[in-house]
Structure formats: C-alpha cells, structure tokens
Amino acid sequence: MLHRAAHTLRIRQALARSPVVSILGPRQSGKTTLARAFTRGRRSAWFDLENPVDLQRLASPMSTLDPLRGLVVIDEVQRLPGIFEVLRVLADRPRTPARFLILGSADPRLVRGVSESLAGRVAHVDIGGFNVSETGTALFRTLWHRGGFPRSFLAASDSAGHAWRLDYIQDFLHRDLTDLGISIPPATLRRFWNMVAHFHGGVWNAAEFARSLGSSENTARHYLDLLSGAWAVRRLVPWFENIGKRQIRHPKVYVQDPGLLHALLGLESREALLGHPKSGASWEGFVIEQILALLPTREAYFWGTHQGAELDLLVMHRGKRFGFEMKLTDAPSMTKSMHIARQDLRLDRLFVVYPGATSWNLEAKIEALSIRDLPDRLRAL
C-alpha cells in the first residue's frame, strides 16, 4: 500500500475546521483504504452503506448516530441521500461531540444534499488516483500507461491492469451510474465516452458530438455533464481576457484517468500507446492531472486564440500566473505559440513538461521541466 501523506494531511486539516468532511472521488480510487488508515488508532465508528447490515443500522439515522462520539465514518454515502438532513442537525450540536467523515463515489452535483443540506458545515477533500509524488517519479511511465487507480497501477502485469480497467468501465456504466439514478442506456453512454476518448484533448463541439450520436446538442451536453460530474471526463474551461484577439470560448475535454483512456482506445501495451496518434494528447492529459493533483488550486484553464496560439494549462496560484505546455519529445524547444502566450497572458513562469531526465531554462521565465522534477518544482511555487 502506498502512503498518501498529502491527502492524510488535508483530511486532518479539514476535520479541524469543519464538523463534516466529505471525501469524494471515483470508485476504486482508494478512498476507503485512505479513511481506514486515517482512523487507525482513533476512536471511531464505521458504516459501509454497501453492507446491508450497516444500511439497516442507519434505518433510523438520528437514533443511531446521535449517541456516537469521536469520528464517525460513513462510506458510500450517496446510497442514503436522506442522511444529509440528519447530519446537518448533528453538526449543529453544541461543542460538536462527534465529527463525520463521509465517503462517496459521485460529485456533489450528482449527490443532492452534500452542498445544499450541509452548506457551511462541510469541507471537501477530493481524492483521485495515485499521482507521481505518491508512486515515485521513477515509475511515471507505468502511471501514465496504467493510470492512477490503485488496482490498475499495482496489477501484476500490463495485461492484468488492462483487463481490470475494462471491467471497471463495464461496472461504472452498468452499476455506478444506475445507482445514482441515471437511466440512460449504458451502451449509449459507452459510445459517448468512446467518442470523448477519440476526441481527447480537443476543443468541445456539442454540434459535432450530437451529429455523431444522432441526438440534440442539449443531449450531448447532458452526457458530458454526467461523465464530468462522475470524474470520468475532465472539462477544462477556457480562459479569456481582453487582449484584442479572438479567443476560443469552448472547453477542452479529456478522459480524466489515462489508464481508462487507453482501455477505451484498446491500447493494452506501452508500445501500442507510443505508436498511437493520440499518444501526445494522452501525455498532455496525464500531466494536466498530475499538476492539478499536486497544486492546491481550483483556478485552472486552457487558453487559445483563433490565430493558432495556445497554452495547454493556465494556473492561478498565490496571485501569480503559471503556464504549462506538455511535449512528448526528447528535447523540447521554443515555439512561437509559447512566446505569444508568455506575452499576452503575462505569465510569471512557463513550464514545458516532457518525459526526459533533465530540466533546464529555455529562455527567461521559460523552463523545460522533466516530469521527474515536477513534484519538487510545484512545491516550490
């Protein structure tokens, strides 16, 4: 088991300031394992709502939870949405005799109650798969190919990891989304998800997706909302400012976990990935996920103009603007687009992240950054 120190620290800090802390993220991303490690040695009570016995114990949640003290953990909380009103009452008790750690496999937009019933009482800690800081940067190629889901990354072989991801996709479409009350046929959503995989790293075009699906643009947008809300797809919104140029106003879309992307594309081996036309876009999405996992910011965008200049990722962090370009090459070099982005966006620093072993300065405020140096470099920002 890999130790996830950064997530543990975030949970501890969140519990210190809020009576309820939600750990949300994709199914099988390690939320339960992390919570069990966190509660080890603490006074705690545990309810797993996938267990019929625990679900029955919470048939009368107020009478069950009110006497408890210490830390109360409720896993798969989305299976009992009515519990949020009870948690609101319990969180408002004088001196808060118990604190609640709730774990769920869906975004707050899909689980009614977390954001509505617990407003002002809950702190959110989002958990994704492993990142390069947790696995060690020496294993970045395995992490890129297999993705961050623990059972995929830790599989005995590439083929075993690939088989696990195919099963995950099947379960996600047939069970998880159904449990959330989504009645769209799994085959339809699988087809849409495959389309996103082949469009990975491209600018979202609802009309193009609608034509391919034989549906309306609103339907295509609805499918995108569902998959992005369940952490299956990342929608990276565009940045805009008044610079006298026509800028792209539509988001970019990515399959959020690179291992799932490769499973959807049928890429079982690393050699197949490197020979695929989407390898560069896959690297781009992989590095974006690493940066967003390691940097404590929610202000992340992409930027592009209709004249062709673009920036893969723009991050606002501690009052500064940092740009990131991802290049799947042995030796990145300066491009005209980088010069334009640095000037038009007034970047404090631009990093060109690539899979090589050495980092160096390309120009003033522009650095070729090895993926191996990424965690340390981001911590220093």
Protein backbone atom coordinates (compact mmCIF):
# COMPACT_ATOMS: atom_id res chain seq x y z
CA MET A 1 0.00 0.00 0.00
CA LEU A 2 1.33 3.44 -0.90
CA HIS A 3 1.27 6.08 1.83
CA ARG A 4 -0.79 9.11 0.76
CA ALA A 5 0.61 11.70 3.16
CA ALA A 6 -0.73 14.79 1.38
CA HIS A 7 -4.31 13.51 1.43
CA THR A 8 -3.99 12.49 5.08
CA LEU A 9 -2.85 16.00 5.98
CA ARG A 10 -5.74 17.57 4.07
CA ILE A 11 -8.26 15.37 5.88
CA ARG A 12 -6.77 16.26 9.27
CA GLN A 13 -6.86 19.98 8.48
CA ALA A 14 -10.43 19.75 7.16
CA LEU A 15 -11.68 17.97 10.30
CA ALA A 16 -10.06 20.66 12.43
CA ARG A 17 -12.19 23.36 10.81
CA SER A 18 -15.45 21.58 9.88
CA PRO A 19 -17.75 19.11 11.68
CA VAL A 20 -18.33 17.19 8.44
CA VAL A 21 -15.67 16.30 5.87
CA SER A 22 -16.55 14.67 2.57
CA ILE A 23 -14.02 12.55 0.72
CA LEU A 24 -15.28 12.37 -2.83
CA GLY A 25 -13.77 10.74 -5.88
CA PRO A 26 -14.15 7.97 -8.43
CA ARG A 27 -15.00 4.46 -7.29
CA GLN A 28 -11.88 2.36 -6.59
CA SER A 29 -9.63 5.41 -6.23
CA GLY A 30 -8.57 4.43 -2.71
CA LYS A 31 -10.98 6.48 -0.57
CA THR A 32 -11.90 3.62 1.80
CA THR A 33 -8.28 2.50 2.21
CA LEU A 34 -7.23 6.07 2.95
CA ALA A 35 -10.02 6.53 5.51
CA ARG A 36 -9.19 3.24 7.27
CA ALA A 37 -5.55 4.26 7.52
CA PHE A 38 -6.59 7.66 8.87
CA THR A 39 -8.87 6.18 11.57
CA ARG A 40 -6.34 3.62 12.76
CA GLY A 41 -5.70 4.31 16.45
CA ARG A 42 -8.56 6.83 16.69
CA ARG A 43 -11.88 6.48 18.45
CA SER A 44 -14.20 5.85 15.54
CA ALA A 45 -17.37 4.17 14.29
CA TRP A 46 -17.70 2.88 10.73
CA PHE A 47 -20.73 2.41 8.47
CA ASP A 48 -20.36 0.94 4.98
CA LEU A 49 -23.62 1.52 3.14
CA GLU A 50 -22.80 -1.20 0.60
CA ASN A 51 -23.14 -3.59 3.55
CA PRO A 52 -26.86 -4.42 4.09
CA VAL A 53 -26.28 -4.73 7.85
CA ASP A 54 -24.84 -1.22 8.12
CA LEU A 55 -27.55 0.13 5.86
CA GLN A 56 -30.16 -1.37 8.19
CA ARG A 57 -28.37 0.08 11.24
CA LEU A 58 -28.95 3.52 9.72
CA ALA A 59 -32.63 2.92 9.00
CA SER A 60 -33.20 5.35 11.91
CA PRO A 61 -30.10 7.53 11.46
CA MET A 62 -30.76 10.07 14.21
CA SER A 63 -31.15 7.49 16.96
CA THR A 64 -28.10 5.57 15.72
CA LEU A 65 -25.71 8.48 15.19
CA ASP A 66 -26.66 10.88 17.99
CA PRO A 67 -25.01 8.89 20.84
CA LEU A 68 -21.73 8.36 18.98
CA ARG A 69 -18.57 10.23 19.88
CA GLY A 70 -15.21 10.68 18.21
CA LEU A 71 -15.02 10.18 14.45
CA VAL A 72 -17.94 8.66 12.56
CA VAL A 73 -17.19 7.34 9.06
CA ILE A 74 -20.00 6.74 6.55
CA ASP A 75 -18.80 5.05 3.35
CA GLU A 76 -20.75 5.13 0.04
CA VAL A 77 -22.90 7.91 1.48
CA GLN A 78 -24.65 8.50 -1.85
CA ARG A 79 -26.68 5.34 -1.20
CA LEU A 80 -28.60 7.10 1.58
CA PRO A 81 -29.20 10.70 0.42
CA GLY A 82 -31.71 11.36 3.19
CA ILE A 83 -28.94 11.20 5.76
CA PHE A 84 -27.67 14.69 4.90
CA GLU A 85 -30.52 16.41 6.74
CA VAL A 86 -29.69 14.34 9.84
CA LEU A 87 -26.00 15.24 9.57
CA ARG A 88 -26.93 18.91 9.41
CA VAL A 89 -28.71 18.63 12.77
CA LEU A 90 -25.89 16.62 14.33
CA ALA A 91 -23.25 19.04 13.05
CA ASP A 92 -25.04 21.95 14.73
CA ARG A 93 -24.95 20.43 18.22
CA PRO A 94 -23.10 22.45 20.89
CA ARG A 95 -19.40 21.63 21.10
CA THR A 96 -19.81 19.09 18.25
CA PRO A 97 -19.33 15.84 20.25
CA ALA A 98 -18.65 13.86 17.05
CA ARG A 99 -17.19 14.65 13.68
CA PHE A 100 -18.25 12.95 10.49
CA LEU A 101 -16.16 11.66 7.62
CA ILE A 102 -18.39 10.82 4.67
CA LEU A 103 -17.12 8.99 1.58
CA GLY A 104 -18.83 8.98 -1.77
CA SER A 105 -18.28 8.00 -5.38
CA ALA A 106 -20.04 10.89 -7.04
CA ASP A 107 -19.60 14.62 -7.41
CA PRO A 108 -21.66 16.90 -5.13
CA ARG A 109 -23.62 17.99 -8.21
CA LEU A 110 -24.90 14.43 -8.50
CA VAL A 111 -25.42 13.80 -4.80
CA ARG A 112 -28.11 16.19 -3.67
CA GLY A 113 -27.67 17.24 -0.12
CA VAL A 114 -23.92 17.50 0.38
CA SER A 115 -23.80 21.03 -0.95
CA GLU A 116 -27.38 22.00 -0.10
CA SER A 117 -28.15 20.49 3.31
CA LEU A 118 -24.59 20.82 4.66
CA ALA A 119 -23.72 24.26 3.33
CA GLY A 120 -21.29 25.95 5.71
CA ARG A 121 -20.77 22.75 7.71
CA VAL A 122 -18.80 20.59 5.30
CA ALA A 123 -15.26 20.68 3.94
CA HIS A 124 -14.48 18.79 0.74
CA VAL A 125 -11.40 16.67 0.07
CA ASP A 126 -11.32 15.32 -3.47
CA ILE A 127 -9.40 12.08 -3.95
CA GLY A 128 -8.22 10.87 -7.33
CA GLY A 129 -5.92 8.02 -8.23
CA PHE A 130 -2.22 7.85 -7.45
CA ASN A 131 -0.01 10.72 -8.61
CA VAL A 132 3.71 10.83 -9.35
CA SER A 133 4.53 12.16 -5.91
CA GLU A 134 2.93 9.07 -4.33
CA THR A 135 4.24 6.43 -6.72
CA GLY A 136 7.69 7.95 -7.13
CA THR A 137 8.69 9.71 -10.32
CA ALA A 138 10.79 6.75 -11.47
CA LEU A 139 7.52 4.92 -12.19
CA PHE A 140 5.90 7.72 -14.20
CA ARG A 141 5.72 5.64 -17.38
CA THR A 142 3.76 2.90 -15.61
CA LEU A 143 1.49 5.52 -14.03
CA TRP A 144 0.92 7.18 -17.40
CA HIS A 145 0.11 3.92 -19.17
CA ARG A 146 -1.95 2.19 -16.44
CA GLY A 147 -3.47 5.28 -14.82
CA GLY A 148 -3.83 6.08 -11.14
CA PHE A 149 -6.47 3.61 -9.95
CA PRO A 150 -4.62 1.54 -7.31
CA ARG A 151 -5.67 -1.89 -8.61
CA SER A 152 -4.68 -0.97 -12.14
CA PHE A 153 -1.36 0.62 -11.22
CA LEU A 154 -0.41 -2.21 -8.84
CA ALA A 155 -1.53 -5.02 -11.17
CA ALA A 156 0.88 -7.89 -11.78
CA SER A 157 1.22 -7.04 -15.49
CA ASP A 158 0.08 -4.57 -18.13
CA SER A 159 -2.43 -7.09 -19.45
CA ALA A 160 -3.88 -7.63 -15.96
CA GLY A 161 -4.18 -3.89 -15.45
CA HIS A 162 -5.86 -3.51 -18.84
CA ALA A 163 -8.36 -6.28 -18.01
CA TRP A 164 -9.17 -4.63 -14.67
CA ARG A 165 -9.87 -1.30 -16.38
CA LEU A 166 -12.20 -2.92 -18.92
CA ASP A 167 -14.14 -4.47 -16.02
CA TYR A 168 -14.17 -1.09 -14.28
CA ILE A 169 -15.68 0.60 -17.33
CA GLN A 170 -18.36 -2.07 -17.52
CA ASP A 171 -19.23 -1.78 -13.83
CA PHE A 172 -19.20 2.01 -13.93
CA LEU A 173 -21.70 2.16 -16.78
CA HIS A 174 -23.98 -0.66 -15.64
CA ARG A 175 -23.92 -0.24 -11.87
CA ASP A 176 -22.49 3.04 -10.61
CA LEU A 177 -24.45 5.41 -12.82
CA THR A 178 -27.63 3.39 -12.28
CA ASP A 179 -27.12 3.68 -8.51
CA LEU A 180 -27.06 7.45 -8.97
CA GLY A 181 -30.47 7.36 -10.61
CA ILE A 182 -29.18 7.84 -14.16
CA SER A 183 -31.42 5.93 -16.56
CA ILE A 184 -29.50 6.49 -19.80
CA PRO A 185 -28.75 3.14 -21.51
CA PRO A 186 -25.17 2.04 -20.68
CA ALA A 187 -24.45 1.34 -24.37
CA THR A 188 -25.29 4.95 -25.22
CA LEU A 189 -23.00 6.38 -22.56
CA ARG A 190 -20.25 3.91 -23.54
CA ARG A 191 -20.48 5.16 -27.11
CA PHE A 192 -20.30 8.77 -25.95
CA TRP A 193 -17.32 8.01 -23.67
CA ASN A 194 -15.54 6.33 -26.57
CA MET A 195 -16.13 9.43 -28.64
CA VAL A 196 -14.56 11.58 -25.93
CA ALA A 197 -11.57 9.20 -25.87
CA HIS A 198 -11.02 9.66 -29.61
CA PHE A 199 -11.51 13.41 -29.14
CA HIS A 200 -9.27 13.53 -26.03
CA GLY A 201 -7.50 16.90 -25.72
CA GLY A 202 -9.75 18.55 -28.32
CA VAL A 203 -11.99 21.59 -28.02
CA TRP A 204 -15.56 20.54 -27.20
CA ASN A 205 -18.01 20.86 -30.08
CA ALA A 206 -21.54 19.93 -28.99
CA ALA A 207 -22.86 20.02 -32.57
CA GLU A 208 -20.24 17.51 -33.78
CA PHE A 209 -20.95 15.12 -30.91
CA ALA A 210 -24.71 15.49 -31.43
CA ARG A 211 -24.42 14.60 -35.13
CA SER A 212 -22.37 11.50 -34.31
CA LEU A 213 -24.84 10.43 -31.64
CA GLY A 214 -27.90 11.26 -33.71
CA SER A 215 -29.18 13.40 -30.85
CA SER A 216 -29.63 17.06 -29.93
CA GLU A 217 -26.84 19.32 -28.73
CA ASN A 218 -28.54 19.57 -25.33
CA THR A 219 -28.42 15.78 -25.03
CA ALA A 220 -24.70 15.75 -25.83
CA ARG A 221 -24.10 18.46 -23.21
CA HIS A 222 -26.12 16.45 -20.69
CA TYR A 223 -23.97 13.37 -21.25
CA LEU A 224 -20.84 15.46 -20.82
CA ASP A 225 -22.20 16.88 -17.56
CA LEU A 226 -22.88 13.37 -16.26
CA LEU A 227 -19.45 11.98 -17.05
CA SER A 228 -17.58 15.05 -15.82
CA GLY A 229 -19.65 15.03 -12.62
CA ALA A 230 -18.65 11.42 -12.00
CA TRP A 231 -14.93 12.10 -12.60
CA ALA A 232 -14.90 10.10 -15.83
CA VAL A 233 -14.20 13.15 -18.01
CA ARG A 234 -12.40 16.40 -17.28
CA ARG A 235 -13.82 19.55 -18.80
CA LEU A 236 -11.05 22.18 -18.83
CA VAL A 237 -12.65 25.59 -19.22
CA PRO A 238 -11.14 28.33 -21.42
CA TRP A 239 -9.51 31.49 -20.10
CA PHE A 240 -10.50 34.78 -21.68
CA GLU A 241 -9.29 38.32 -21.28
CA ASN A 242 -9.37 41.48 -23.33
CA ILE A 243 -6.21 41.32 -25.45
CA GLY A 244 -7.67 42.36 -28.80
CA LYS A 245 -7.65 38.84 -30.25
CA ARG A 246 -10.40 36.32 -30.96
CA GLN A 247 -10.08 33.64 -28.31
CA ILE A 248 -11.54 30.15 -28.01
CA ARG A 249 -14.62 30.10 -25.79
CA HIS A 250 -15.35 26.37 -25.61
CA PRO A 251 -13.80 23.93 -23.09
CA LYS A 252 -11.36 21.14 -23.83
CA VAL A 253 -12.36 17.59 -22.89
CA TYR A 254 -10.22 14.74 -21.60
CA VAL A 255 -10.83 11.24 -20.27
CA GLN A 256 -9.70 12.00 -16.74
CA ASP A 257 -7.73 8.85 -15.95
CA PRO A 258 -5.11 7.98 -18.60
CA GLY A 259 -5.47 4.25 -17.94
CA LEU A 260 -9.20 4.41 -18.73
CA LEU A 261 -8.40 6.44 -21.86
CA HIS A 262 -6.03 3.72 -23.04
CA ALA A 263 -8.57 0.98 -22.25
CA LEU A 264 -11.24 2.82 -24.24
CA LEU A 265 -8.78 3.14 -27.14
CA GLY A 266 -7.78 -0.54 -26.89
CA LEU A 267 -4.14 0.21 -26.00
CA GLU A 268 -3.04 -2.72 -23.85
CA SER A 269 0.74 -2.20 -24.01
CA ARG A 270 3.03 0.78 -23.62
CA GLU A 271 4.35 0.12 -27.13
CA ALA A 272 0.83 0.39 -28.53
CA LEU A 273 0.37 3.70 -26.70
CA LEU A 274 3.57 5.23 -28.05
CA GLY A 275 2.63 4.25 -31.60
CA HIS A 276 -0.90 5.64 -31.40
CA PRO A 277 -1.91 9.01 -32.92
CA LYS A 278 -3.32 10.05 -29.55
CA SER A 279 -0.06 9.50 -27.62
CA GLY A 280 0.75 13.22 -27.50
CA ALA A 281 -2.76 14.13 -26.34
CA SER A 282 -2.59 11.31 -23.79
CA TRP A 283 0.65 12.74 -22.38
CA GLU A 284 -0.97 16.18 -22.23
CA GLY A 285 -3.95 14.90 -20.24
CA PHE A 286 -1.74 12.82 -17.94
CA VAL A 287 0.48 15.75 -17.00
CA ILE A 288 -2.51 18.05 -16.50
CA GLU A 289 -3.92 15.58 -13.97
CA GLN A 290 -0.56 15.42 -12.16
CA ILE A 291 -0.33 19.20 -11.91
CA LEU A 292 -3.89 19.60 -10.67
CA ALA A 293 -3.36 16.82 -8.09
CA LEU A 294 -0.19 18.44 -6.76
CA LEU A 295 -1.08 22.14 -6.84
CA PRO A 296 -3.62 23.35 -4.25
CA THR A 297 -5.66 25.47 -6.64
CA ARG A 298 -9.04 25.28 -8.37
CA GLU A 299 -8.21 28.03 -10.86
CA ALA A 300 -7.10 26.02 -13.90
CA TYR A 301 -7.83 26.82 -17.55
CA PHE A 302 -6.61 26.35 -21.08
CA TRP A 303 -6.13 29.24 -23.47
CA GLY A 304 -6.16 29.56 -27.22
CA THR A 305 -6.74 32.06 -30.00
CA HIS A 306 -8.31 31.60 -33.40
CA GLN A 307 -4.97 32.63 -34.88
CA GLY A 308 -3.39 29.42 -33.54
CA ALA A 309 -1.63 30.45 -30.32
CA GLU A 310 -2.48 28.25 -27.35
CA LEU A 311 -1.48 27.19 -23.87
CA ASP A 312 -2.29 23.69 -22.58
CA LEU A 313 -2.80 24.77 -18.97
CA LEU A 314 -3.00 28.13 -17.19
CA VAL A 315 -2.97 28.01 -13.39
CA MET A 316 -3.52 30.88 -10.95
CA HIS A 317 -1.57 30.17 -7.77
CA ARG A 318 -0.79 32.55 -4.91
CA GLY A 319 -1.52 35.58 -7.01
CA LYS A 320 0.72 34.50 -9.89
CA ARG A 321 0.11 33.08 -13.35
CA PHE A 322 1.85 29.87 -14.34
CA GLY A 323 1.62 28.34 -17.78
CA PHE A 324 2.25 24.70 -18.70
CA GLU A 325 2.88 23.14 -22.10
CA MET A 326 3.14 19.35 -22.43
CA LYS A 327 5.51 17.92 -25.05
CA LEU A 328 6.03 14.22 -25.75
CA THR A 329 9.52 14.68 -27.11
CA ASP A 330 13.13 14.01 -26.15
CA ALA A 331 14.17 17.67 -26.23
CA PRO A 332 11.52 20.44 -26.20
CA SER A 333 12.31 23.73 -27.91
CA MET A 334 10.80 27.19 -28.03
CA THR A 335 7.80 27.84 -30.26
CA LYS A 336 6.10 30.98 -31.47
CA SER A 337 3.00 29.99 -29.51
CA MET A 338 4.99 29.97 -26.26
CA HIS A 339 6.26 33.49 -26.89
CA ILE A 340 2.74 34.73 -27.61
CA ALA A 341 1.28 33.04 -24.51
CA ARG A 342 4.01 34.42 -22.27
CA GLN A 343 3.43 37.94 -23.56
CA ASP A 344 -0.37 38.03 -23.93
CA LEU A 345 -1.11 36.29 -20.63
CA ARG A 346 1.69 38.00 -18.67
CA LEU A 347 2.94 34.68 -17.32
CA ASP A 348 5.19 34.69 -14.28
CA ARG A 349 6.64 31.39 -15.45
CA LEU A 350 6.07 28.94 -18.29
CA PHE A 351 6.97 25.26 -17.89
CA VAL A 352 7.33 22.82 -20.78
CA VAL A 353 6.82 19.39 -19.20
CA TYR A 354 8.38 16.46 -21.06
CA PRO A 355 9.38 12.85 -20.24
CA GLY A 356 13.15 13.37 -20.35
CA ALA A 357 15.55 13.25 -17.40
CA THR A 358 16.93 16.82 -17.26
CA SER A 359 15.40 20.24 -16.63
CA TRP A 360 16.88 23.45 -17.99
CA ASN A 361 15.95 27.03 -18.87
CA LEU A 362 14.91 27.55 -22.49
CA GLU A 363 14.64 31.33 -22.11
CA ALA A 364 13.92 33.86 -19.40
CA LYS A 365 10.89 32.62 -17.42
CA ILE A 366 10.54 29.52 -19.64
CA GLU A 367 11.79 26.17 -18.38
CA ALA A 368 11.95 22.72 -19.93
CA LEU A 369 10.78 20.65 -16.96
CA SER A 370 11.37 16.92 -16.58
CA ILE A 371 8.37 15.02 -15.25
CA ARG A 372 10.78 13.66 -12.62
CA ASP A 373 11.28 17.18 -11.24
CA LEU A 374 7.59 18.15 -11.40
CA PRO A 375 6.59 17.46 -7.74
CA ASP A 376 9.54 19.34 -6.25
CA ARG A 377 9.14 22.22 -8.70
CA LEU A 378 5.46 22.65 -7.94
CA ARG A 379 6.07 22.56 -4.18
CA ALA A 380 8.48 25.48 -4.63
CA LEU A 381 5.95 27.73 -6.40
